[in-house]
Amino acid sequence: MSSYLIHLECPECGEIFQADRLQTICQACQSPLLARYDVDRIVAQVDLSNLAQRGSGIVHWAELLPLDDPHHAVTLGEGDTPLIEASKVVGDSGVQHLYIKEEGVNPTGTFKARGLAMAVSRAVELGVTAFVIPTAGNAGGALAAYAARAGVEAHVFMPADAPSLNQAEVLAHGADLHLVDGLIDEAGRQAVEAAGTHGWFNVSTFREPYRVEGKKIMGLELAEDFDWHLPDVIIYPTGGGTGLVGMWKAFDELEALGWIDSHRPRMVSVQASGCAPVVRALEQGADRTQPWLNAHTVAAGLRVPAVFADRLILNAIRASLGTAVAVDDDAILKAQADLAQLEGILACPEGAATLAGLRKLKQAGWIRANQDVVLFNTGSGLKYIS
């Protein structure tokens, strides 16, 4: 099967970039590039009624993914994560229909597996043999695993105070680990420098076009989970924002295919009160985020002081009539304990932040009790037990 990918596009200026060669960003706009597909050909050749009979994982969504051949995918069985009804924390949250998309069952224990599976798969198709990534922790472990699977090099730049399990995971997969004195923004600076020096391909958040394509599968799965009628609210923990942007892109593509109608969930970005650049930008009515000084939180994945894809994140939230909310560490830890003890879900702090955000929004009257609400637990809490 030939790919349905036709080109890459800058969402800011509309410039078209060739998809059959390695691309990074639109330098003129300092913007991520987004993959565009031949919708008419997909409509003509794919019957939605037959989708359920297909294989699982990447092959299930082959026409909406950038691989020349889906059988070339570097995969460890990511995706197809369960949607769990949360009946016991419902009483506490005041929401009648609450669901949790459980990403902790992915390979390497987090949703990062989705994005890195696709980024590595497509880059290897295009000839890459060495990768570099800056990470708060989990993305580095995922790159290390998929690089090992593909038989290529992985070089990981990680804050020295990242969880010890994340460091051990990178080393266990045979990747090259560089510990950085600083946060992920400093790790990113050093990764860019190393990429230029050594010729390594940089797969940091939104600096190449395909991690978001892996993350968008969360939105595709959610549509299928809800029988092609999307829920009312999606609450998502936002660091770099790849998942939020990816799901919004998935919904646009599904509507263009005629697989869903125009109903959209209100998209909610949850951040930590110690690092909330998206929340602040929305409160100020700004078009861009500003770097957050002295970022701190127990949720390492939310400790992202500078957000590269800020325009895409803010546009998705505003277009959906959504919002962003900041929650403190005490609320995150309380929500994490409640999910474990009431639902049996050992959530990562970032995932638990979504329950804390739901409680705050419900108290403010922003969410109605009869709405379908989905929380994303983006990783297993097992990775945070020391």
Protein backbone atom coordinates (compact mmCIF):
# COMPACT_ATOMS: atom_id res chain seq x y z
CA MET A 1 0.00 0.00 0.00
CA SER A 2 1.37 3.42 -0.90
CA SER A 3 1.16 6.12 1.75
CA TYR A 4 -1.82 8.46 1.85
CA LEU A 5 0.47 11.18 3.17
CA ILE A 6 0.70 13.93 0.56
CA HIS A 7 2.82 16.65 2.19
CA LEU A 8 3.67 18.54 5.35
CA GLU A 9 2.27 21.99 6.01
CA CYS A 10 3.09 24.93 8.23
CA PRO A 11 -0.13 25.83 10.09
CA GLU A 12 0.99 29.45 10.40
CA CYS A 13 1.91 30.46 6.83
CA GLY A 14 0.57 27.50 4.84
CA GLU A 15 3.90 26.70 3.18
CA ILE A 16 4.10 23.15 1.85
CA PHE A 17 7.05 20.88 2.62
CA GLN A 18 7.90 17.59 0.92
CA ALA A 19 7.12 14.55 3.03
CA ASP A 20 9.52 12.17 1.31
CA ARG A 21 12.54 13.72 3.01
CA LEU A 22 13.49 14.54 6.59
CA GLN A 23 11.89 17.75 7.82
CA THR A 24 12.01 19.64 11.08
CA ILE A 25 10.06 22.90 11.47
CA CYS A 26 9.07 25.93 9.42
CA GLN A 27 12.05 28.15 10.08
CA ALA A 28 10.28 31.30 8.89
CA CYS A 29 7.43 30.91 11.40
CA GLN A 30 9.26 28.88 14.04
CA SER A 31 6.30 26.53 13.85
CA PRO A 32 5.80 22.77 13.89
CA LEU A 33 4.85 21.10 10.62
CA LEU A 34 1.69 19.02 10.33
CA ALA A 35 1.12 15.99 8.11
CA ARG A 36 -1.68 16.19 5.54
CA TYR A 37 -3.39 13.19 3.94
CA ASP A 38 -5.30 12.44 0.74
CA VAL A 39 -8.79 12.50 2.25
CA ASP A 40 -10.58 11.83 -1.04
CA ARG A 41 -8.58 8.68 -1.68
CA ILE A 42 -9.17 7.41 1.85
CA VAL A 43 -12.91 8.01 1.51
CA ALA A 44 -12.95 6.11 -1.78
CA GLN A 45 -10.93 3.15 -0.52
CA VAL A 46 -11.72 2.69 3.18
CA ASP A 47 -15.06 1.50 4.51
CA LEU A 48 -15.61 2.52 8.12
CA SER A 49 -17.83 -0.51 8.71
CA ASN A 50 -14.84 -2.80 8.09
CA LEU A 51 -12.49 -1.01 10.47
CA ALA A 52 -13.37 -3.23 13.43
CA GLN A 53 -12.21 -6.32 11.53
CA ARG A 54 -8.70 -4.96 11.07
CA GLY A 55 -5.60 -5.72 13.07
CA SER A 56 -4.82 -3.70 16.16
CA GLY A 57 -2.28 -0.96 16.76
CA ILE A 58 -0.68 1.04 13.99
CA VAL A 59 -2.08 -1.15 11.18
CA HIS A 60 -5.61 -0.34 12.37
CA TRP A 61 -5.14 3.33 11.42
CA ALA A 62 -2.70 2.89 8.52
CA GLU A 63 -4.32 5.36 6.12
CA LEU A 64 -4.11 8.19 8.64
CA LEU A 65 -0.45 7.59 9.47
CA PRO A 66 2.68 8.69 7.61
CA LEU A 67 4.44 5.38 6.97
CA ASP A 68 5.07 4.30 3.39
CA ASP A 69 4.33 0.76 4.54
CA PRO A 70 2.67 0.12 7.94
CA HIS A 71 4.47 -3.21 8.12
CA HIS A 72 7.70 -1.22 8.45
CA ALA A 73 6.48 0.17 11.76
CA VAL A 74 8.86 -0.05 14.70
CA THR A 75 6.32 -1.24 17.22
CA LEU A 76 6.16 -2.77 20.67
CA GLY A 77 2.37 -3.10 20.72
CA GLU A 78 1.55 0.46 21.75
CA GLY A 79 -1.99 1.80 21.70
CA ASP A 80 -5.38 0.12 22.07
CA THR A 81 -5.47 1.28 25.67
CA PRO A 82 -8.61 0.73 27.76
CA LEU A 83 -11.29 3.32 28.46
CA ILE A 84 -12.30 2.67 32.07
CA GLU A 85 -15.49 3.96 33.63
CA ALA A 86 -14.64 5.59 36.94
CA SER A 87 -17.71 4.88 39.01
CA LYS A 88 -16.29 5.37 42.51
CA VAL A 89 -14.59 8.74 42.17
CA VAL A 90 -17.68 9.99 40.35
CA GLY A 91 -19.48 10.76 43.60
CA ASP A 92 -16.56 12.83 44.75
CA SER A 93 -16.25 14.70 41.46
CA GLY A 94 -19.98 15.17 40.95
CA VAL A 95 -19.88 13.86 37.36
CA GLN A 96 -22.24 11.07 36.31
CA HIS A 97 -20.29 9.79 33.29
CA LEU A 98 -16.56 9.82 33.98
CA TYR A 99 -14.04 7.76 32.04
CA ILE A 100 -10.29 7.32 32.24
CA LYS A 101 -8.20 6.55 29.19
CA GLU A 102 -5.49 4.39 30.75
CA GLU A 103 -2.22 5.06 28.95
CA GLY A 104 -0.10 3.41 31.63
CA VAL A 105 -0.44 0.02 29.90
CA ASN A 106 1.60 1.19 26.91
CA PRO A 107 5.13 -0.15 26.36
CA THR A 108 7.56 1.70 28.66
CA GLY A 109 4.55 2.52 30.83
CA THR A 110 3.42 5.83 29.34
CA PHE A 111 1.76 7.50 26.37
CA LYS A 112 5.21 8.60 25.19
CA ALA A 113 5.48 5.20 23.51
CA ARG A 114 2.86 6.24 20.96
CA GLY A 115 4.70 9.32 19.77
CA LEU A 116 8.17 7.82 19.74
CA ALA A 117 6.97 4.70 17.92
CA MET A 118 5.80 6.85 15.04
CA ALA A 119 8.71 9.29 15.08
CA VAL A 120 11.27 6.49 15.03
CA SER A 121 9.35 4.47 12.45
CA ARG A 122 9.08 7.31 9.94
CA ALA A 123 12.61 8.60 10.50
CA VAL A 124 14.08 5.11 10.03
CA GLU A 125 12.08 4.81 6.79
CA LEU A 126 13.80 8.02 5.71
CA GLY A 127 17.25 6.75 6.60
CA VAL A 128 17.97 7.97 10.14
CA THR A 129 20.39 5.85 12.17
CA ALA A 130 20.98 8.05 15.26
CA PHE A 131 18.48 10.02 17.36
CA VAL A 132 18.72 12.60 20.14
CA ILE A 133 16.01 13.78 22.52
CA PRO A 134 15.67 16.11 25.50
CA THR A 135 13.26 14.73 28.08
CA ALA A 136 11.78 15.17 31.52
CA GLY A 137 12.13 11.39 31.80
CA ASN A 138 9.53 9.22 30.09
CA ALA A 139 10.13 10.27 26.49
CA GLY A 140 13.78 9.38 26.89
CA GLY A 141 12.90 5.89 28.04
CA ALA A 142 10.52 5.48 25.12
CA LEU A 143 13.08 6.63 22.56
CA ALA A 144 15.66 4.27 24.08
CA ALA A 145 13.26 1.33 23.76
CA TYR A 146 12.18 2.02 20.18
CA ALA A 147 15.72 2.80 19.06
CA ALA A 148 16.80 -0.56 20.49
CA ARG A 149 13.93 -2.22 18.64
CA ALA A 150 15.00 -0.54 15.40
CA GLY A 151 18.71 -1.20 15.93
CA VAL A 152 19.69 2.48 15.85
CA GLU A 153 21.41 4.87 18.26
CA ALA A 154 19.60 6.92 20.94
CA HIS A 155 21.14 9.84 22.83
CA VAL A 156 19.08 11.19 25.73
CA PHE A 157 19.50 14.52 27.54
CA MET A 158 17.66 14.52 30.88
CA PRO A 159 17.61 16.75 33.99
CA ALA A 160 19.84 15.28 36.66
CA ASP A 161 16.95 15.36 39.14
CA ALA A 162 14.65 13.31 36.88
CA PRO A 163 13.24 10.17 38.54
CA SER A 164 15.95 7.54 38.98
CA LEU A 165 13.77 4.93 37.28
CA ASN A 166 13.70 7.05 34.10
CA GLN A 167 17.48 7.23 34.13
CA ALA A 168 17.82 3.49 34.71
CA GLU A 169 15.32 2.76 31.91
CA VAL A 170 17.38 4.68 29.36
CA LEU A 171 20.56 2.88 30.37
CA ALA A 172 18.86 -0.53 30.43
CA HIS A 173 17.94 -0.14 26.75
CA GLY A 174 21.56 0.64 25.89
CA ALA A 175 21.05 4.31 25.08
CA ASP A 176 23.52 7.11 25.75
CA LEU A 177 22.38 9.18 28.78
CA HIS A 178 23.48 12.77 29.40
CA LEU A 179 22.38 14.26 32.74
CA VAL A 180 21.83 18.01 32.63
CA ASP A 181 22.14 20.63 35.35
CA GLY A 182 18.79 22.32 34.72
CA LEU A 183 15.28 21.63 33.43
CA ILE A 184 14.06 20.29 30.11
CA ASP A 185 14.66 23.64 28.39
CA GLU A 186 18.38 23.33 29.17
CA ALA A 187 18.27 19.69 28.10
CA GLY A 188 16.73 20.88 24.83
CA ARG A 189 19.47 23.45 24.28
CA GLN A 190 22.17 20.83 24.78
CA ALA A 191 20.36 18.30 22.58
CA VAL A 192 20.17 20.81 19.71
CA GLU A 193 23.86 21.55 20.07
CA ALA A 194 24.73 17.84 20.07
CA ALA A 195 22.52 17.20 17.06
CA GLY A 196 24.38 19.84 15.09
CA THR A 197 27.76 18.54 16.16
CA HIS A 198 27.16 14.83 15.59
CA GLY A 199 24.44 14.75 12.93
CA TRP A 200 21.91 13.09 15.23
CA PHE A 201 18.22 13.55 14.32
CA ASN A 202 16.38 15.57 16.97
CA VAL A 203 12.99 14.13 17.96
CA SER A 204 12.18 16.64 20.70
CA THR A 205 8.57 17.74 21.10
CA PHE A 206 7.21 19.26 17.87
CA ARG A 207 10.70 19.70 16.38
CA GLU A 208 9.82 16.98 13.85
CA PRO A 209 6.39 16.23 12.34
CA TYR A 210 5.64 12.67 13.42
CA ARG A 211 5.51 12.33 17.21
CA VAL A 212 2.19 14.16 17.02
CA GLU A 213 0.97 11.60 14.48
CA GLY A 214 1.54 8.82 17.00
CA LYS A 215 -0.15 10.77 19.76
CA LYS A 216 -3.19 11.57 17.60
CA ILE A 217 -4.08 7.87 17.67
CA MET A 218 -5.40 8.57 21.18
CA GLY A 219 -8.08 10.72 19.56
CA LEU A 220 -8.81 8.13 16.88
CA GLU A 221 -9.22 5.43 19.53
CA LEU A 222 -11.43 7.68 21.64
CA ALA A 223 -13.76 8.26 18.69
CA GLU A 224 -14.02 4.51 18.15
CA ASP A 225 -14.48 3.92 21.90
CA PHE A 226 -17.51 6.26 21.85
CA ASP A 227 -18.96 4.71 18.67
CA TRP A 228 -17.96 7.71 16.54
CA HIS A 229 -19.65 10.37 18.69
CA LEU A 230 -17.09 12.24 20.76
CA PRO A 231 -17.39 12.90 24.51
CA ASP A 232 -18.29 16.33 25.86
CA VAL A 233 -15.07 17.14 27.71
CA ILE A 234 -11.48 15.87 27.50
CA ILE A 235 -9.17 16.76 30.38
CA TYR A 236 -5.52 16.37 29.48
CA PRO A 237 -2.26 17.02 31.37
CA THR A 238 -0.21 19.44 29.32
CA GLY A 239 3.54 19.80 29.26
CA GLY A 240 4.63 20.08 25.63
CA GLY A 241 1.03 19.53 24.47
CA THR A 242 1.63 16.94 21.76
CA GLY A 243 -1.31 14.78 22.81
CA LEU A 244 -3.78 17.64 23.01
CA VAL A 245 -2.80 18.98 19.59
CA GLY A 246 -2.70 15.47 18.15
CA MET A 247 -6.22 14.62 19.30
CA TRP A 248 -7.58 17.88 17.92
CA LYS A 249 -5.92 17.09 14.59
CA ALA A 250 -7.41 13.58 14.67
CA PHE A 251 -10.90 14.98 15.15
CA ASP A 252 -10.49 17.32 12.17
CA GLU A 253 -9.36 14.41 10.00
CA LEU A 254 -12.21 12.15 11.12
CA GLU A 255 -14.79 14.83 10.33
CA ALA A 256 -13.23 15.41 6.90
CA LEU A 257 -13.60 11.68 6.26
CA GLY A 258 -17.25 11.79 7.34
CA TRP A 259 -16.62 9.35 10.20
CA ILE A 260 -17.78 11.79 12.90
CA ASP A 261 -20.01 14.85 12.91
CA SER A 262 -19.02 18.39 13.88
CA HIS A 263 -19.52 17.85 17.63
CA ARG A 264 -16.25 18.46 19.47
CA PRO A 265 -15.21 17.93 23.08
CA ARG A 266 -14.23 20.96 25.07
CA MET A 267 -10.48 20.51 25.49
CA VAL A 268 -9.07 21.21 28.94
CA SER A 269 -5.37 21.66 29.57
CA VAL A 270 -4.30 20.83 33.12
CA GLN A 271 -0.99 22.20 34.38
CA ALA A 272 0.75 22.39 37.73
CA SER A 273 0.46 25.67 39.62
CA GLY A 274 4.27 25.67 39.80
CA CYS A 275 4.53 25.63 35.98
CA ALA A 276 1.45 26.87 34.12
CA PRO A 277 2.41 28.87 31.02
CA VAL A 278 -0.67 27.79 29.04
CA VAL A 279 -3.03 28.71 31.87
CA ARG A 280 -1.42 32.12 32.21
CA ALA A 281 -1.60 32.81 28.46
CA LEU A 282 -5.31 32.00 28.37
CA GLU A 283 -6.01 34.14 31.43
CA GLN A 284 -4.18 37.04 29.79
CA GLY A 285 -5.80 36.54 26.37
CA ALA A 286 -2.33 36.16 24.86
CA ASP A 287 -1.49 34.54 21.52
CA ARG A 288 1.76 33.04 22.83
CA THR A 289 2.98 31.61 26.10
CA GLN A 290 5.93 33.08 27.97
CA PRO A 291 8.61 30.96 29.68
CA TRP A 292 7.77 30.10 33.28
CA LEU A 293 10.46 31.03 35.76
CA ASN A 294 11.48 28.72 38.63
CA ALA A 295 9.25 25.87 37.42
CA HIS A 296 8.56 23.26 40.07
CA THR A 297 6.07 20.43 40.63
CA VAL A 298 5.94 16.78 41.71
CA ALA A 299 4.66 16.01 38.21
CA ALA A 300 7.92 15.97 36.25
CA GLY A 301 6.14 15.75 32.89
CA LEU A 302 4.36 19.05 33.59
CA ARG A 303 7.60 20.85 34.40
CA VAL A 304 7.93 22.33 30.91
CA PRO A 305 8.62 26.05 31.28
CA ALA A 306 8.76 26.91 27.56
CA VAL A 307 6.09 25.52 25.19
CA PHE A 308 7.17 25.43 21.54
CA ALA A 309 3.74 24.55 20.06
CA ASP A 310 1.93 27.16 22.15
CA ARG A 311 -0.07 28.57 19.22
CA LEU A 312 -1.43 25.14 18.30
CA ILE A 313 -2.32 24.37 21.92
CA LEU A 314 -4.06 27.71 22.52
CA ASN A 315 -5.90 27.49 19.19
CA ALA A 316 -7.26 24.01 19.99
CA ILE A 317 -8.44 25.05 23.44
CA ARG A 318 -10.11 28.21 22.18
CA ALA A 319 -11.67 26.57 19.10
CA SER A 320 -13.23 23.92 21.34
CA LEU A 321 -14.52 26.50 23.84
CA GLY A 322 -12.29 24.77 26.35
CA THR A 323 -10.11 26.10 29.13
CA ALA A 324 -6.94 25.50 31.14
CA VAL A 325 -6.61 25.03 34.87
CA ALA A 326 -3.67 24.93 37.27
CA VAL A 327 -3.65 22.57 40.27
CA ASP A 328 -1.23 22.46 43.16
CA ASP A 329 0.90 19.51 44.19
CA ASP A 330 -1.22 18.69 47.24
CA ALA A 331 -4.31 18.34 45.03
CA ILE A 332 -2.36 16.17 42.59
CA LEU A 333 -1.17 13.82 45.34
CA LYS A 334 -4.67 13.62 46.84
CA ALA A 335 -6.13 12.73 43.44
CA GLN A 336 -3.40 10.15 42.88
CA ALA A 337 -4.24 8.45 46.18
CA ASP A 338 -7.98 8.52 45.42
CA LEU A 339 -7.54 6.95 41.99
CA ALA A 340 -5.43 4.17 43.48
CA GLN A 341 -7.65 3.47 46.49
CA LEU A 342 -11.08 4.00 44.93
CA GLU A 343 -10.56 2.82 41.34
CA GLY A 344 -7.47 0.62 41.51
CA ILE A 345 -5.71 2.87 38.99
CA LEU A 346 -2.15 3.70 40.01
CA ALA A 347 -1.83 6.92 38.04
CA CYS A 348 1.26 8.97 37.40
CA PRO A 349 1.19 12.46 38.96
CA GLU A 350 0.50 14.02 35.56
CA GLY A 351 -2.54 11.78 35.06
CA ALA A 352 -3.76 12.39 38.60
CA ALA A 353 -3.61 16.11 37.87
CA THR A 354 -6.56 15.66 35.52
CA LEU A 355 -8.78 14.48 38.38
CA ALA A 356 -7.61 17.43 40.47
CA GLY A 357 -8.45 19.69 37.53
CA LEU A 358 -11.89 18.11 37.14
CA ARG A 359 -12.67 18.75 40.80
CA LYS A 360 -11.65 22.38 40.48
CA LEU A 361 -13.71 22.89 37.30
CA LYS A 362 -16.77 21.13 38.75
CA GLN A 363 -16.62 23.31 41.85
CA ALA A 364 -16.53 26.37 39.60
CA GLY A 365 -19.60 25.13 37.67
CA TRP A 366 -17.71 24.77 34.39
CA ILE A 367 -18.68 21.09 33.92
CA ARG A 368 -22.25 19.84 34.11
CA ALA A 369 -23.05 16.60 35.93
CA ASN A 370 -24.66 14.89 32.91
CA GLN A 371 -21.72 15.30 30.54
CA ASP A 372 -19.39 12.58 29.26
CA VAL A 373 -15.96 13.49 30.63
CA VAL A 374 -12.68 11.72 29.79
CA LEU A 375 -9.53 12.03 31.87
CA PHE A 376 -6.20 10.90 30.46
CA ASN A 377 -3.89 9.03 32.77
CA THR A 378 -0.74 9.37 30.72
CA GLY A 379 1.42 6.88 32.58
CA SER A 380 1.76 4.21 35.21
CA GLY A 381 2.34 5.35 38.76
CA LEU A 382 4.71 2.38 39.13
CA LYS A 383 7.36 4.51 37.41
CA TYR A 384 7.28 6.94 40.35
CA ILE A 385 7.57 4.47 43.22
CA SER A 386 11.03 4.57 44.79
